[in-house]
Amino acid sequence: MAKRVLIIGAGYAGATAALTLSKKKKKTDIEVTVIDKNNYQTLLTELHEVAGNRIGESGIIVPLRDIFKYTDVKLIQDNVVDIDFENNKLKSENNEYNYDYLLIAAGSNP
């Protein structure tokens, strides 16, 4: 049975972890799922370009489907509301998820 890895957040850390684990999947039996409240990633290092009116807001947004296009990482757009660490369950606004390993990479708010 595959080990279920659940990643909360698809920012820089969460996306990098998911991509790395996806590559390792060829050697190990794991199922990687990413949960984020957005369906995109914001390039925070380019935020000043928007503030300076040099590019539009859409210029710093990367859809998650593009980041994980060539992987089998499962993407879920949802908002996490509770984590039960003792029973390895995560509750969101829409569902409940079981996991074997949990990585919390909630990120920041620009």
Protein backbone atom coordinates (compact mmCIF):
# COMPACT_ATOMS: atom_id res chain seq x y z
CA MET A 1 0.00 0.00 0.00
CA ALA A 2 1.29 3.45 -0.93
CA LYS A 3 2.32 5.86 1.81
CA ARG A 4 0.13 8.97 1.65
CA VAL A 5 2.05 12.24 1.87
CA LEU A 6 -0.16 15.28 2.38
CA ILE A 7 1.30 18.75 1.83
CA ILE A 8 -0.56 21.81 3.07
CA GLY A 9 0.38 24.79 0.92
CA ALA A 10 1.66 25.10 -2.64
CA GLY A 11 4.05 28.00 -2.20
CA TYR A 12 7.78 27.70 -2.83
CA ALA A 13 8.39 25.13 -0.07
CA GLY A 14 5.27 23.05 -0.66
CA ALA A 15 5.69 22.93 -4.43
CA THR A 16 9.39 22.05 -4.18
CA ALA A 17 8.67 19.29 -1.69
CA ALA A 18 5.90 17.86 -3.87
CA LEU A 19 8.07 17.92 -7.00
CA THR A 20 10.99 16.29 -5.17
CA LEU A 21 8.80 13.56 -3.70
CA SER A 22 7.22 12.98 -7.10
CA LYS A 23 10.67 12.28 -8.56
CA LYS A 24 11.48 9.90 -5.69
CA LYS A 25 8.26 8.02 -6.36
CA LYS A 26 10.00 5.90 -8.95
CA LYS A 27 12.07 4.38 -6.14
CA THR A 28 9.45 4.29 -3.40
CA ASP A 29 5.72 3.75 -3.24
CA ILE A 30 4.19 7.10 -2.23
CA GLU A 31 1.11 9.13 -3.10
CA VAL A 32 1.65 12.90 -2.98
CA THR A 33 -1.29 15.27 -2.48
CA VAL A 34 -1.09 19.07 -2.23
CA ILE A 35 -3.88 21.09 -0.63
CA ASP A 36 -3.95 24.85 -1.11
CA LYS A 37 -6.69 27.43 -0.83
CA ASN A 38 -5.68 28.87 -4.21
CA ASN A 39 -5.24 27.20 -7.59
CA TYR A 40 -2.15 29.31 -8.29
CA GLN A 41 1.20 30.29 -6.83
CA THR A 42 2.21 33.93 -6.37
CA LEU A 43 5.79 34.81 -7.30
CA LEU A 44 6.52 36.89 -4.21
CA THR A 45 9.97 37.85 -5.46
CA GLU A 46 8.29 39.78 -8.27
CA LEU A 47 5.68 41.53 -6.13
CA HIS A 48 7.58 44.81 -6.33
CA GLU A 49 7.06 44.83 -10.11
CA VAL A 50 3.31 44.95 -9.60
CA ALA A 51 3.65 47.61 -6.90
CA GLY A 52 5.76 49.71 -9.28
CA ASN A 53 3.12 49.26 -12.00
CA ARG A 54 5.68 47.68 -14.37
CA ILE A 55 3.63 44.50 -14.85
CA GLY A 56 0.05 43.50 -14.17
CA GLU A 57 -1.09 41.20 -11.38
CA SER A 58 -1.40 38.28 -13.78
CA GLY A 59 2.35 38.51 -14.43
CA ILE A 60 3.20 37.09 -11.00
CA ILE A 61 0.63 34.30 -10.88
CA VAL A 62 1.53 30.75 -11.96
CA PRO A 63 -1.30 28.18 -12.13
CA LEU A 64 -0.57 25.08 -10.02
CA ARG A 65 -1.63 22.83 -12.89
CA ASP A 66 1.34 24.24 -14.85
CA ILE A 67 3.78 23.58 -12.00
CA PHE A 68 2.67 19.96 -11.60
CA LYS A 69 1.83 19.36 -15.26
CA TYR A 70 4.18 16.42 -15.83
CA THR A 71 3.78 14.77 -12.43
CA ASP A 72 1.14 12.64 -10.76
CA VAL A 73 0.84 14.98 -7.77
CA LYS A 74 -2.81 15.34 -6.78
CA LEU A 75 -3.96 18.94 -6.42
CA ILE A 76 -6.84 19.88 -4.16
CA GLN A 77 -8.16 23.41 -3.80
CA ASP A 78 -9.56 23.58 -0.30
CA ASN A 79 -9.20 25.41 3.00
CA VAL A 80 -7.83 23.41 5.96
CA VAL A 81 -9.77 23.93 9.19
CA ASP A 82 -8.44 21.27 11.59
CA ILE A 83 -5.66 18.69 11.94
CA ASP A 84 -6.01 15.61 14.12
CA PHE A 85 -2.37 14.60 14.68
CA GLU A 86 -3.22 11.57 16.81
CA ASN A 87 -5.39 9.94 14.14
CA ASN A 88 -3.51 11.31 11.09
CA LYS A 89 -6.57 13.10 9.73
CA LEU A 90 -6.95 16.53 8.24
CA LYS A 91 -10.32 18.26 8.02
CA SER A 92 -11.10 20.92 5.48
CA GLU A 93 -14.16 22.91 4.57
CA ASN A 94 -15.16 20.29 1.99
CA ASN A 95 -13.66 16.95 2.99
CA GLU A 96 -11.57 14.86 5.37
CA TYR A 97 -8.18 13.45 4.37
CA ASN A 98 -6.10 10.67 5.89
CA TYR A 99 -2.32 10.75 5.68
CA ASP A 100 0.77 8.83 6.70
CA TYR A 101 3.07 11.87 6.51
CA LEU A 102 2.09 15.53 6.79
CA LEU A 103 4.14 18.48 5.61
CA ILE A 104 2.88 21.92 6.64
CA ALA A 105 4.14 24.60 4.25
CA ALA A 106 1.35 27.13 4.68
CA GLY A 107 3.44 30.03 3.38
CA SER A 108 2.56 33.68 3.65
CA ASN A 109 0.06 36.29 2.62
CA PRO A 110 1.27 39.04 0.28
